């Protein structure tokens, strides 16, 4: 069960955090610049978040952490838009 939680947290949760990070950047920088930047930094950030999920000992904790970070980053974007 822990292995499944780590894999899904890495793929799905890491991707969600990466997207939320780039969404919140669009509040401060022009959107066309973020789209170009996300093409490169998105893969790097997602790979690091995927690695972090596999290195964690508890899949539930990493899911909770990714969900918290996602809500923290996506919250301001969703409230403004």
PDB file of N, CA and C in Angstrom:
ATOM      1  N   UNK A   1       0.821  -1.197   0.000  1.00  0.00           N
ATOM      2  CA  UNK A   1       0.000   0.000   0.000  1.00  0.00           C
ATOM      3  C   UNK A   1       0.868   1.266   0.000  1.00  0.00           C
ATOM      4  N   UNK A   2       1.945   1.228   0.782  1.00  0.00           N
ATOM      5  CA  UNK A   2       2.827   2.394   0.843  1.00  0.00           C
ATOM      6  C   UNK A   2       3.475   2.671  -0.512  1.00  0.00           C
ATOM      7  N   UNK A   3       3.824   1.636  -1.210  1.00  0.00           N
ATOM      8  CA  UNK A   3       4.444   1.801  -2.527  1.00  0.00           C
ATOM      9  C   UNK A   3       3.473   2.484  -3.500  1.00  0.00           C
ATOM     10  N   UNK A   4       2.221   2.038  -3.484  1.00  0.00           N
ATOM     11  CA  UNK A   4       1.201   2.652  -4.341  1.00  0.00           C
ATOM     12  C   UNK A   4       0.996   4.124  -3.985  1.00  0.00           C
ATOM     13  N   UNK A   5       0.952   4.434  -2.692  1.00  0.00           N
ATOM     14  CA  UNK A   5       0.772   5.818  -2.258  1.00  0.00           C
ATOM     15  C   UNK A   5       1.955   6.685  -2.685  1.00  0.00           C
ATOM     16  N   UNK A   6       3.163   6.155  -2.595  1.00  0.00           N
ATOM     17  CA  UNK A   6       4.337   6.925  -3.009  1.00  0.00           C
ATOM     18  C   UNK A   6       4.343   7.167  -4.515  1.00  0.00           C
ATOM     19  N   UNK A   7       3.982   6.145  -5.274  1.00  0.00           N
ATOM     20  CA  UNK A   7       3.956   6.291  -6.735  1.00  0.00           C
ATOM     21  C   UNK A   7       2.908   7.314  -7.151  1.00  0.00           C
ATOM     22  N   UNK A   8       1.700   7.209  -6.605  1.00  0.00           N
ATOM     23  CA  UNK A   8       0.657   8.162  -6.980  1.00  0.00           C
ATOM     24  C   UNK A   8       0.956   9.564  -6.469  1.00  0.00           C
ATOM     25  N   UNK A   9       1.546   9.661  -5.283  1.00  0.00           N
ATOM     26  CA  UNK A   9       1.918  10.991  -4.771  1.00  0.00           C
ATOM     27  C   UNK A   9       2.985  11.610  -5.653  1.00  0.00           C
ATOM     28  N   UNK A  10       3.927  10.810  -6.098  1.00  0.00           N
ATOM     29  CA  UNK A  10       4.989  11.331  -6.954  1.00  0.00           C
ATOM     30  C   UNK A  10       4.481  11.794  -8.292  1.00  0.00           C
ATOM     31  N   UNK A  11       3.676  10.975  -8.930  1.00  0.00           N
ATOM     32  CA  UNK A  11       3.181  11.329 -10.258  1.00  0.00           C
ATOM     33  C   UNK A  11       2.079  12.389 -10.197  1.00  0.00           C
ATOM     34  N   UNK A  12       1.016  12.100  -9.483  1.00  0.00           N
ATOM     35  CA  UNK A  12      -0.144  12.998  -9.481  1.00  0.00           C
ATOM     36  C   UNK A  12       0.081  14.206  -8.582  1.00  0.00           C
ATOM     37  N   UNK A  13       0.495  13.947  -7.349  1.00  0.00           N
ATOM     38  CA  UNK A  13       0.711  15.052  -6.415  1.00  0.00           C
ATOM     39  C   UNK A  13       1.845  15.961  -6.842  1.00  0.00           C
ATOM     40  N   UNK A  14       2.938  15.373  -7.325  1.00  0.00           N
ATOM     41  CA  UNK A  14       4.055  16.182  -7.800  1.00  0.00           C
ATOM     42  C   UNK A  14       3.675  17.049  -8.981  1.00  0.00           C
ATOM     43  N   UNK A  15       2.886  16.491  -9.875  1.00  0.00           N
ATOM     44  CA  UNK A  15       2.433  17.256 -11.039  1.00  0.00           C
ATOM     45  C   UNK A  15       1.502  18.392 -10.608  1.00  0.00           C
ATOM     46  N   UNK A  16       0.626  18.115  -9.655  1.00  0.00           N
ATOM     47  CA  UNK A  16      -0.300  19.146  -9.177  1.00  0.00           C
ATOM     48  C   UNK A  16       0.446  20.277  -8.491  1.00  0.00           C
ATOM     49  N   UNK A  17       1.438  19.946  -7.691  1.00  0.00           N
ATOM     50  CA  UNK A  17       2.237  20.980  -7.022  1.00  0.00           C
ATOM     51  C   UNK A  17       3.013  21.795  -8.047  1.00  0.00           C
ATOM     52  N   UNK A  18       3.578  21.131  -9.039  1.00  0.00           N
ATOM     53  CA  UNK A  18       4.324  21.834 -10.079  1.00  0.00           C
ATOM     54  C   UNK A  18       3.415  22.801 -10.839  1.00  0.00           C
ATOM     55  N   UNK A  19       2.213  22.365 -11.184  1.00  0.00           N
ATOM     56  CA  UNK A  19       1.284  23.234 -11.902  1.00  0.00           C
ATOM     57  C   UNK A  19       0.823  24.398 -11.030  1.00  0.00           C
ATOM     58  N   UNK A  20       0.560  24.130  -9.759  1.00  0.00           N
ATOM     59  CA  UNK A  20       0.131  25.197  -8.857  1.00  0.00           C
ATOM     60  C   UNK A  20       1.241  26.221  -8.666  1.00  0.00           C
ATOM     61  N   UNK A  21       2.480  25.771  -8.619  1.00  0.00           N
ATOM     62  CA  UNK A  21       3.619  26.688  -8.496  1.00  0.00           C
ATOM     63  C   UNK A  21       3.678  27.627  -9.691  1.00  0.00           C
ATOM     64  N   UNK A  22       3.507  27.085 -10.878  1.00  0.00           N
ATOM     65  CA  UNK A  22       3.565  27.930 -12.067  1.00  0.00           C
ATOM     66  C   UNK A  22       2.321  28.805 -12.204  1.00  0.00           C
ATOM     67  N   UNK A  23       1.181  28.337 -11.699  1.00  0.00           N
ATOM     68  CA  UNK A  23      -0.021  29.170 -11.716  1.00  0.00           C
ATOM     69  C   UNK A  23       0.148  30.391 -10.819  1.00  0.00           C
ATOM     70  N   UNK A  24       0.718  30.191  -9.644  1.00  0.00           N
ATOM     71  CA  UNK A  24       0.894  31.323  -8.742  1.00  0.00           C
ATOM     72  C   UNK A  24       1.947  32.291  -9.283  1.00  0.00           C
ATOM     73  N   UNK A  25       2.881  31.804 -10.068  1.00  0.00           N
ATOM     74  CA  UNK A  25       3.850  32.712 -10.694  1.00  0.00           C
ATOM     75  C   UNK A  25       3.187  33.625 -11.714  1.00  0.00           C
ATOM     76  N   UNK A  26       2.085  33.178 -12.314  1.00  0.00           N
ATOM     77  CA  UNK A  26       1.401  34.019 -13.301  1.00  0.00           C
ATOM     78  C   UNK A  26       0.764  35.246 -12.656  1.00  0.00           C
ATOM     79  N   UNK A  27       0.636  35.245 -11.334  1.00  0.00           N
ATOM     80  CA  UNK A  27       0.113  36.423 -10.655  1.00  0.00           C
ATOM     81  C   UNK A  27       1.137  37.554 -10.632  1.00  0.00           C
ATOM     82  N   UNK A  28       2.416  37.213 -10.749  1.00  0.00           N
ATOM     83  CA  UNK A  28       3.483  38.200 -10.627  1.00  0.00           C
ATOM     84  C   UNK A  28       4.194  38.500 -11.941  1.00  0.00           C
ATOM     85  N   UNK A  29       4.174  37.553 -12.861  1.00  0.00           N
ATOM     86  CA  UNK A  29       4.899  37.683 -14.123  1.00  0.00           C
ATOM     87  C   UNK A  29       3.911  37.462 -15.264  1.00  0.00           C
ATOM     88  N   UNK A  30       4.206  38.022 -16.412  1.00  0.00           N
ATOM     89  CA  UNK A  30       3.354  37.867 -17.585  1.00  0.00           C
ATOM     90  C   UNK A  30       3.188  36.392 -17.945  1.00  0.00           C
ATOM     91  N   UNK A  31       1.984  35.995 -18.311  1.00  0.00           N
ATOM     92  CA  UNK A  31       1.670  34.586 -18.556  1.00  0.00           C
ATOM     93  C   UNK A  31       2.492  33.965 -19.674  1.00  0.00           C
ATOM     94  N   UNK A  32       2.791  34.733 -20.709  1.00  0.00           N
ATOM     95  CA  UNK A  32       3.549  34.147 -21.820  1.00  0.00           C
ATOM     96  C   UNK A  32       4.963  33.777 -21.396  1.00  0.00           C
ATOM     97  N   UNK A  33       5.534  34.501 -20.427  1.00  0.00           N
ATOM     98  CA  UNK A  33       6.868  34.159 -19.937  1.00  0.00           C
ATOM     99  C   UNK A  33       6.831  32.902 -19.068  1.00  0.00           C
ATOM    100  N   UNK A  34       5.759  32.747 -18.309  1.00  0.00           N
ATOM    101  CA  UNK A  34       5.631  31.568 -17.447  1.00  0.00           C
ATOM    102  C   UNK A  34       5.430  30.312 -18.277  1.00  0.00           C
ATOM    103  N   UNK A  35       4.700  30.412 -19.359  1.00  0.00           N
ATOM    104  CA  UNK A  35       4.489  29.240 -20.218  1.00  0.00           C
ATOM    105  C   UNK A  35       5.824  28.757 -20.782  1.00  0.00           C
ATOM    106  N   UNK A  36       6.645  29.675 -21.204  1.00  0.00           N
ATOM    107  CA  UNK A  36       7.963  29.296 -21.741  1.00  0.00           C
ATOM    108  C   UNK A  36       8.861  28.727 -20.640  1.00  0.00           C
ATOM    109  N   UNK A  37       8.814  29.348 -19.478  1.00  0.00           N
ATOM    110  CA  UNK A  37       9.641  28.883 -18.365  1.00  0.00           C
ATOM    111  C   UNK A  37       9.172  27.522 -17.860  1.00  0.00           C
ATOM    112  N   UNK A  38       7.862  27.320 -17.798  1.00  0.00           N
ATOM    113  CA  UNK A  38       7.311  26.067 -17.288  1.00  0.00           C
ATOM    114  C   UNK A  38       7.692  24.884 -18.163  1.00  0.00           C
ATOM    115  N   UNK A  39       7.959  25.128 -19.424  1.00  0.00           N
ATOM    116  CA  UNK A  39       8.383  24.041 -20.300  1.00  0.00           C
ATOM    117  C   UNK A  39       9.689  23.407 -19.862  1.00  0.00           C
ATOM    118  N   UNK A  40      10.534  24.188 -19.221  1.00  0.00           N
ATOM    119  CA  UNK A  40      11.827  23.674 -18.757  1.00  0.00           C
ATOM    120  C   UNK A  40      11.786  23.368 -17.267  1.00  0.00           C
ATOM    121  N   UNK A  41      11.388  24.353 -16.463  1.00  0.00           N
ATOM    122  CA  UNK A  41      11.423  24.169 -15.014  1.00  0.00           C
ATOM    123  C   UNK A  41      10.363  23.194 -14.519  1.00  0.00           C
ATOM    124  N   UNK A  42       9.300  23.034 -15.291  1.00  0.00           N
ATOM    125  CA  UNK A  42       8.246  22.114 -14.872  1.00  0.00           C
ATOM    126  C   UNK A  42       8.735  20.689 -14.752  1.00  0.00           C
ATOM    127  N   UNK A  43       9.487  20.243 -15.721  1.00  0.00           N
ATOM    128  CA  UNK A  43      10.013  18.869 -15.676  1.00  0.00           C
ATOM    129  C   UNK A  43      11.020  18.687 -14.547  1.00  0.00           C
ATOM    130  N   UNK A  44      11.832  19.692 -14.322  1.00  0.00           N
ATOM    131  CA  UNK A  44      12.826  19.601 -13.253  1.00  0.00           C
ATOM    132  C   UNK A  44      12.136  19.545 -11.891  1.00  0.00           C
ATOM    133  N   UNK A  45      11.179  20.442 -11.665  1.00  0.00           N
ATOM    134  CA  UNK A  45      10.460  20.464 -10.395  1.00  0.00           C
ATOM    135  C   UNK A  45       9.664  19.185 -10.195  1.00  0.00           C
ATOM    136  N   UNK A  46       9.012  18.707 -11.242  1.00  0.00           N
ATOM    137  CA  UNK A  46       8.236  17.474 -11.130  1.00  0.00           C
ATOM    138  C   UNK A  46       9.142  16.286 -10.808  1.00  0.00           C
ATOM    139  N   UNK A  47      10.310  16.226 -11.436  1.00  0.00           N
ATOM    140  CA  UNK A  47      11.246  15.128 -11.164  1.00  0.00           C
ATOM    141  C   UNK A  47      11.736  15.176  -9.718  1.00  0.00           C
ATOM    142  N   UNK A  48      11.994  16.366  -9.207  1.00  0.00           N
ATOM    143  CA  UNK A  48      12.426  16.485  -7.817  1.00  0.00           C
ATOM    144  C   UNK A  48      11.320  16.086  -6.850  1.00  0.00           C
ATOM    145  N   UNK A  49      10.099  16.471  -7.145  1.00  0.00           N
ATOM    146  CA  UNK A  49       8.976  16.081  -6.296  1.00  0.00           C
ATOM    147  C   UNK A  49       8.702  14.582  -6.377  1.00  0.00           C
ATOM    148  N   UNK A  50       8.902  14.005  -7.540  1.00  0.00           N
ATOM    149  CA  UNK A  50       8.762  12.559  -7.700  1.00  0.00           C
ATOM    150  C   UNK A  50       9.821  11.827  -6.882  1.00  0.00           C
ATOM    151  N   UNK A  51      11.040  12.312  -6.926  1.00  0.00           N
ATOM    152  CA  UNK A  51      12.126  11.715  -6.144  1.00  0.00           C
ATOM    153  C   UNK A  51      11.858  11.852  -4.659  1.00  0.00           C
ATOM    154  N   UNK A  52      11.381  13.009  -4.232  1.00  0.00           N
ATOM    155  CA  UNK A  52      11.071  13.219  -2.821  1.00  0.00           C
ATOM    156  C   UNK A  52      10.001  12.246  -2.337  1.00  0.00           C
ATOM    157  N   UNK A  53       9.023  11.974  -3.171  1.00  0.00           N
ATOM    158  CA  UNK A  53       7.971  11.030  -2.791  1.00  0.00           C
ATOM    159  C   UNK A  53       8.531   9.625  -2.605  1.00  0.00           C
ATOM    160  N   UNK A  54       9.448   9.217  -3.457  1.00  0.00           N
ATOM    161  CA  UNK A  54      10.023   7.877  -3.336  1.00  0.00           C
ATOM    162  C   UNK A  54      10.981   7.771  -2.158  1.00  0.00           C
ATOM    163  N   UNK A  55      11.580   8.868  -1.761  1.00  0.00           N
ATOM    164  CA  UNK A  55      12.506   8.838  -0.630  1.00  0.00           C
ATOM    165  C   UNK A  55      11.801   8.911   0.713  1.00  0.00           C
ATOM    166  N   UNK A  56      10.538   9.302   0.720  1.00  0.00           N
ATOM    167  CA  UNK A  56       9.815   9.411   1.982  1.00  0.00           C
ATOM    168  C   UNK A  56       9.506   8.020   2.528  1.00  0.00           C
ATOM    169  N   UNK A  57       9.307   7.951   3.839  1.00  0.00           N
ATOM    170  CA  UNK A  57       9.022   6.674   4.473  1.00  0.00           C
ATOM    171  C   UNK A  57       7.530   6.365   4.520  1.00  0.00           C
ATOM    172  N   UNK A  58       6.704   7.408   4.517  1.00  0.00           N
ATOM    173  CA  UNK A  58       5.273   7.216   4.661  1.00  0.00           C
ATOM    174  C   UNK A  58       4.541   7.880   3.497  1.00  0.00           C
ATOM    175  N   UNK A  59       3.779   7.107   2.754  1.00  0.00           N
ATOM    176  CA  UNK A  59       3.041   7.625   1.613  1.00  0.00           C
ATOM    177  C   UNK A  59       1.928   8.574   1.990  1.00  0.00           C
ATOM    178  N   UNK A  60       1.312   8.336   3.150  1.00  0.00           N
ATOM    179  CA  UNK A  60       0.235   9.224   3.596  1.00  0.00           C
ATOM    180  C   UNK A  60       0.765  10.615   3.911  1.00  0.00           C
ATOM    181  N   UNK A  61       1.941  10.662   4.533  1.00  0.00           N
ATOM    182  CA  UNK A  61       2.522  11.961   4.888  1.00  0.00           C
ATOM    183  C   UNK A  61       2.908  12.754   3.647  1.00  0.00           C
ATOM    184  N   UNK A  62       3.456  12.090   2.650  1.00  0.00           N
ATOM    185  CA  UNK A  62       3.860  12.810   1.441  1.00  0.00           C
ATOM    186  C   UNK A  62       2.630  13.278   0.681  1.00  0.00           C
ATOM    187  N   UNK A  63       1.555  12.482   0.681  1.00  0.00           N
ATOM    188  CA  UNK A  63       0.302  12.932   0.064  1.00  0.00           C
ATOM    189  C   UNK A  63      -0.238  14.156   0.795  1.00  0.00           C
ATOM    190  N   UNK A  64      -0.190  14.122   2.121  1.00  0.00           N
ATOM    191  CA  UNK A  64      -0.646  15.266   2.913  1.00  0.00           C
ATOM    192  C   UNK A  64       0.187  16.502   2.660  1.00  0.00           C
ATOM    193  N   UNK A  65       1.493  16.321   2.563  1.00  0.00           N
ATOM    194  CA  UNK A  65       2.384  17.445   2.288  1.00  0.00           C
ATOM    195  C   UNK A  65       2.113  18.031   0.918  1.00  0.00           C
ATOM    196  N   UNK A  66       1.975  17.188  -0.101  1.00  0.00           N
ATOM    197  CA  UNK A  66       1.714  17.677  -1.454  1.00  0.00           C
ATOM    198  C   UNK A  66       0.344  18.349  -1.548  1.00  0.00           C
ATOM    199  N   UNK A  67      -0.641  17.809  -0.859  1.00  0.00           N
ATOM    200  CA  UNK A  67      -1.968  18.420  -0.862  1.00  0.00           C
ATOM    201  C   UNK A  67      -1.930  19.784  -0.176  1.00  0.00           C
ATOM    202  N   UNK A  68      -1.207  19.881   0.935  1.00  0.00           N
ATOM    203  CA  UNK A  68      -1.074  21.151   1.642  1.00  0.00           C
ATOM    204  C   UNK A  68      -0.368  22.194   0.775  1.00  0.00           C
ATOM    205  N   UNK A  69       0.732  21.803   0.135  1.00  0.00           N
ATOM    206  CA  UNK A  69       1.466  22.729  -0.727  1.00  0.00           C
ATOM    207  C   UNK A  69       0.609  23.149  -1.909  1.00  0.00           C
ATOM    208  N   UNK A  70      -0.121  22.202  -2.490  1.00  0.00           N
ATOM    209  CA  UNK A  70      -1.003  22.527  -3.610  1.00  0.00           C
ATOM    210  C   UNK A  70      -2.048  23.554  -3.207  1.00  0.00           C
ATOM    211  N   UNK A  71      -2.704  23.337  -2.075  1.00  0.00           N
ATOM    212  CA  UNK A  71      -3.732  24.271  -1.626  1.00  0.00           C
ATOM    213  C   UNK A  71      -3.128  25.620  -1.254  1.00  0.00           C
ATOM    214  N   UNK A  72      -1.939  25.615  -0.694  1.00  0.00           N
ATOM    215  CA  UNK A  72      -1.256  26.858  -0.327  1.00  0.00           C
ATOM    216  C   UNK A  72      -0.904  27.672  -1.573  1.00  0.00           C
ATOM    217  N   UNK A  73      -0.472  27.000  -2.623  1.00  0.00           N
ATOM    218  CA  UNK A  73      -0.072  27.704  -3.851  1.00  0.00           C
ATOM    219  C   UNK A  73      -1.277  28.037  -4.736  1.00  0.00           C
ATOM    220  N   UNK A  74      -2.202  27.124  -4.870  1.00  0.00           N
ATOM    221  CA  UNK A  74      -3.334  27.344  -5.775  1.00  0.00           C
ATOM    222  C   UNK A  74      -4.411  28.217  -5.151  1.00  0.00           C
ATOM    223  N   UNK A  75      -4.452  28.308  -3.842  1.00  0.00           N
ATOM    224  CA  UNK A  75      -5.458  29.107  -3.163  1.00  0.00           C
ATOM    225  C   UNK A  75      -5.493  30.554  -3.591  1.00  0.00           C
ATOM    226  N   UNK A  76      -4.361  31.262  -3.523  1.00  0.00           N
ATOM    227  CA  UNK A  76      -4.382  32.674  -3.959  1.00  0.00           C
ATOM    228  C   UNK A  76      -4.772  32.844  -5.419  1.00  0.00           C
ATOM    229  N   UNK A  77      -4.323  31.952  -6.262  1.00  0.00           N
ATOM    230  CA  UNK A  77      -4.684  32.048  -7.683  1.00  0.00           C
ATOM    231  C   UNK A  77      -6.181  31.871  -7.883  1.00  0.00           C
ATOM    232  N   UNK A  78      -6.751  30.898  -7.204  1.00  0.00           N
ATOM    233  CA  UNK A  78      -8.187  30.637  -7.344  1.00  0.00           C
ATOM    234  C   UNK A  78      -9.034  31.753  -6.724  1.00  0.00           C
ATOM    235  N   UNK A  79      -8.549  32.369  -5.649  1.00  0.00           N
ATOM    236  CA  UNK A  79      -9.289  33.460  -5.040  1.00  0.00           C
ATOM    237  C   UNK A  79      -9.272  34.727  -5.893  1.00  0.00           C
ATOM    238  N   UNK A  80      -8.159  34.992  -6.543  1.00  0.00           N
ATOM    239  CA  UNK A  80      -8.048  36.190  -7.364  1.00  0.00           C
ATOM    240  C   UNK A  80      -8.779  36.017  -8.690  1.00  0.00           C
ATOM    241  N   UNK A  81      -8.673  34.861  -9.288  1.00  0.00           N
ATOM    242  CA  UNK A  81      -9.310  34.623 -10.594  1.00  0.00           C
ATOM    243  C   UNK A  81     -10.600  33.951 -10.352  1.00  0.00           C
TER     244      UNK A  81
END
